[in-house]
Amino acid sequence: MSLLVHELVTLERMRQKLSDLEIQRALGGLAGWSRRGDILTKTFNFERFADGIAFINRVAKAADEMNHHPDIDVRYTKITIALSTHDAGGITQSDLTLAERIEKVVAG
């Protein structure tokens, strides 16, 4: 299999809707994330508004690198991230991978 075909197959798998069991298993390793229907969500709290905006900028960089973008709600020092793959109609591996990257962003 050529590298391009392999990358396309991998991308297709990343964008397939996951089963309820796959999502539940993955949530076990994502502290604070929860499922609301076909969306993964987590709220992050910051001491200052500017800290939350800096966090959003780091999340935006990670999202652009993945070409997978979250919905972000800003409420002063509370930032809520919502992940769903709209064209797949629910939660995919891309959402889980981005959630993991967001956790690294907040930790680092």
C-alpha atoms as a PDB file:
ATOM      1  CA  MET A   1       0.000   0.000   0.000  1.00  0.00           C
ATOM      2  CA  SER A   2       1.402   3.387  -0.960  1.00  0.00           C
ATOM      3  CA  LEU A   3       1.953   6.054   1.671  1.00  0.00           C
ATOM      4  CA  LEU A   4      -0.817   8.226   0.215  1.00  0.00           C
ATOM      5  CA  VAL A   5      -3.327   5.362   0.224  1.00  0.00           C
ATOM      6  CA  HIS A   6      -2.319   4.475   3.793  1.00  0.00           C
ATOM      7  CA  GLU A   7      -2.849   8.096   4.899  1.00  0.00           C
ATOM      8  CA  LEU A   8      -6.266   8.198   3.211  1.00  0.00           C
ATOM      9  CA  VAL A   9      -7.333   4.942   4.899  1.00  0.00           C
ATOM     10  CA  THR A  10      -6.131   6.262   8.273  1.00  0.00           C
ATOM     11  CA  LEU A  11      -8.011   9.538   7.756  1.00  0.00           C
ATOM     12  CA  GLU A  12     -11.168   7.624   6.828  1.00  0.00           C
ATOM     13  CA  ARG A  13     -10.926   5.559  10.038  1.00  0.00           C
ATOM     14  CA  MET A  14     -10.394   8.724  12.102  1.00  0.00           C
ATOM     15  CA  ARG A  15     -13.647  10.131  10.710  1.00  0.00           C
ATOM     16  CA  GLN A  16     -15.897   7.104  11.278  1.00  0.00           C
ATOM     17  CA  LYS A  17     -18.461   7.429  14.040  1.00  0.00           C
ATOM     18  CA  LEU A  18     -17.453   5.412  17.108  1.00  0.00           C
ATOM     19  CA  SER A  19     -19.663   2.985  18.992  1.00  0.00           C
ATOM     20  CA  ASP A  20     -21.014   3.799  22.446  1.00  0.00           C
ATOM     21  CA  LEU A  21     -18.612   1.263  23.956  1.00  0.00           C
ATOM     22  CA  GLU A  22     -15.574   2.764  22.195  1.00  0.00           C
ATOM     23  CA  ILE A  23     -16.531   6.226  23.430  1.00  0.00           C
ATOM     24  CA  GLN A  24     -17.095   5.048  27.022  1.00  0.00           C
ATOM     25  CA  ARG A  25     -13.720   3.281  27.066  1.00  0.00           C
ATOM     26  CA  ALA A  26     -11.941   6.354  25.751  1.00  0.00           C
ATOM     27  CA  LEU A  27     -13.627   8.663  28.264  1.00  0.00           C
ATOM     28  CA  GLY A  28     -12.051   6.585  31.034  1.00  0.00           C
ATOM     29  CA  GLY A  29      -8.715   8.097  30.054  1.00  0.00           C
ATOM     30  CA  LEU A  30      -9.940  11.667  29.566  1.00  0.00           C
ATOM     31  CA  ALA A  31     -10.444  13.210  33.003  1.00  0.00           C
ATOM     32  CA  GLY A  32     -13.255  15.750  33.141  1.00  0.00           C
ATOM     33  CA  TRP A  33     -14.562  15.077  29.641  1.00  0.00           C
ATOM     34  CA  SER A  34     -18.157  13.932  29.298  1.00  0.00           C
ATOM     35  CA  ARG A  35     -20.502  12.881  26.589  1.00  0.00           C
ATOM     36  CA  ARG A  36     -23.654  14.812  25.791  1.00  0.00           C
ATOM     37  CA  GLY A  37     -25.351  12.969  22.974  1.00  0.00           C
ATOM     38  CA  ASP A  38     -23.048  13.129  19.979  1.00  0.00           C
ATOM     39  CA  ILE A  39     -20.661  15.643  21.574  1.00  0.00           C
ATOM     40  CA  LEU A  40     -17.653  15.395  23.884  1.00  0.00           C
ATOM     41  CA  THR A  41     -17.372  18.378  26.180  1.00  0.00           C
ATOM     42  CA  LYS A  42     -15.261  19.796  28.977  1.00  0.00           C
ATOM     43  CA  THR A  43     -15.171  23.132  30.794  1.00  0.00           C
ATOM     44  CA  PHE A  44     -11.820  24.605  31.801  1.00  0.00           C
ATOM     45  CA  ASN A  45     -11.522  27.313  34.464  1.00  0.00           C
ATOM     46  CA  PHE A  46      -8.820  29.972  34.558  1.00  0.00           C
ATOM     47  CA  GLU A  47      -7.890  32.645  37.064  1.00  0.00           C
ATOM     48  CA  ARG A  48      -7.848  35.434  34.505  1.00  0.00           C
ATOM     49  CA  PHE A  49      -9.677  36.099  31.253  1.00  0.00           C
ATOM     50  CA  ALA A  50      -6.345  36.481  29.433  1.00  0.00           C
ATOM     51  CA  ASP A  51      -5.250  33.013  30.607  1.00  0.00           C
ATOM     52  CA  GLY A  52      -8.363  31.497  29.035  1.00  0.00           C
ATOM     53  CA  ILE A  53      -7.755  33.316  25.766  1.00  0.00           C
ATOM     54  CA  ALA A  54      -4.116  32.134  25.719  1.00  0.00           C
ATOM     55  CA  PHE A  55      -5.423  28.589  26.209  1.00  0.00           C
ATOM     56  CA  ILE A  56      -7.816  29.043  23.273  1.00  0.00           C
ATOM     57  CA  ASN A  57      -4.912  30.170  21.088  1.00  0.00           C
ATOM     58  CA  ARG A  58      -2.969  27.004  21.962  1.00  0.00           C
ATOM     59  CA  VAL A  59      -6.049  24.859  21.276  1.00  0.00           C
ATOM     60  CA  ALA A  60      -6.519  26.645  17.933  1.00  0.00           C
ATOM     61  CA  LYS A  61      -2.948  25.783  16.922  1.00  0.00           C
ATOM     62  CA  ALA A  62      -3.460  22.094  17.772  1.00  0.00           C
ATOM     63  CA  ALA A  63      -6.820  22.069  15.967  1.00  0.00           C
ATOM     64  CA  ASP A  64      -5.342  23.648  12.830  1.00  0.00           C
ATOM     65  CA  GLU A  65      -2.533  21.076  12.832  1.00  0.00           C
ATOM     66  CA  MET A  66      -5.165  18.318  12.885  1.00  0.00           C
ATOM     67  CA  ASN A  67      -7.569  20.141  10.557  1.00  0.00           C
ATOM     68  CA  HIS A  68     -10.270  19.319  13.108  1.00  0.00           C
ATOM     69  CA  HIS A  69     -11.877  22.238  14.901  1.00  0.00           C
ATOM     70  CA  PRO A  70     -13.840  22.374  18.170  1.00  0.00           C
ATOM     71  CA  ASP A  71     -16.711  24.596  19.149  1.00  0.00           C
ATOM     72  CA  ILE A  72     -15.482  26.951  21.880  1.00  0.00           C
ATOM     73  CA  ASP A  73     -17.661  28.915  24.301  1.00  0.00           C
ATOM     74  CA  VAL A  74     -16.054  31.703  26.337  1.00  0.00           C
ATOM     75  CA  ARG A  75     -17.690  32.869  29.575  1.00  0.00           C
ATOM     76  CA  TYR A  76     -15.159  35.173  31.244  1.00  0.00           C
ATOM     77  CA  THR A  77     -12.782  32.669  32.920  1.00  0.00           C
ATOM     78  CA  LYS A  78     -14.708  29.534  31.880  1.00  0.00           C
ATOM     79  CA  ILE A  79     -13.894  28.005  28.513  1.00  0.00           C
ATOM     80  CA  THR A  80     -16.069  25.140  27.289  1.00  0.00           C
ATOM     81  CA  ILE A  81     -14.797  22.955  24.469  1.00  0.00           C
ATOM     82  CA  ALA A  82     -17.234  20.806  22.453  1.00  0.00           C
ATOM     83  CA  LEU A  83     -15.999  18.159  20.023  1.00  0.00           C
ATOM     84  CA  SER A  84     -18.007  16.341  17.365  1.00  0.00           C
ATOM     85  CA  THR A  85     -17.378  15.315  13.780  1.00  0.00           C
ATOM     86  CA  HIS A  86     -20.380  16.843  12.080  1.00  0.00           C
ATOM     87  CA  ASP A  87     -19.968  15.086   8.728  1.00  0.00           C
ATOM     88  CA  ALA A  88     -19.811  11.699  10.532  1.00  0.00           C
ATOM     89  CA  GLY A  89     -22.852  12.529  12.643  1.00  0.00           C
ATOM     90  CA  GLY A  90     -21.170  12.040  15.996  1.00  0.00           C
ATOM     91  CA  ILE A  91     -17.995  11.307  17.907  1.00  0.00           C
ATOM     92  CA  THR A  92     -15.000   9.938  16.010  1.00  0.00           C
ATOM     93  CA  GLN A  93     -11.393   9.086  16.748  1.00  0.00           C
ATOM     94  CA  SER A  94     -10.526  12.603  15.538  1.00  0.00           C
ATOM     95  CA  ASP A  95     -12.529  14.028  18.452  1.00  0.00           C
ATOM     96  CA  LEU A  96     -10.798  11.763  20.966  1.00  0.00           C
ATOM     97  CA  THR A  97      -7.374  12.583  19.547  1.00  0.00           C
ATOM     98  CA  LEU A  98      -8.088  16.318  19.735  1.00  0.00           C
ATOM     99  CA  ALA A  99      -9.331  15.941  23.327  1.00  0.00           C
ATOM    100  CA  GLU A 100      -6.032  14.232  24.191  1.00  0.00           C
ATOM    101  CA  ARG A 101      -4.087  17.048  22.530  1.00  0.00           C
ATOM    102  CA  ILE A 102      -6.129  19.651  24.427  1.00  0.00           C
ATOM    103  CA  GLU A 103      -5.238  17.908  27.668  1.00  0.00           C
ATOM    104  CA  LYS A 104      -1.551  18.203  26.742  1.00  0.00           C
ATOM    105  CA  VAL A 105      -2.069  21.901  25.919  1.00  0.00           C
ATOM    106  CA  VAL A 106      -3.602  22.614  29.321  1.00  0.00           C
ATOM    107  CA  ALA A 107      -0.909  20.588  31.138  1.00  0.00           C
ATOM    108  CA  GLY A 108       1.982  22.185  29.287  1.00  0.00           C
END
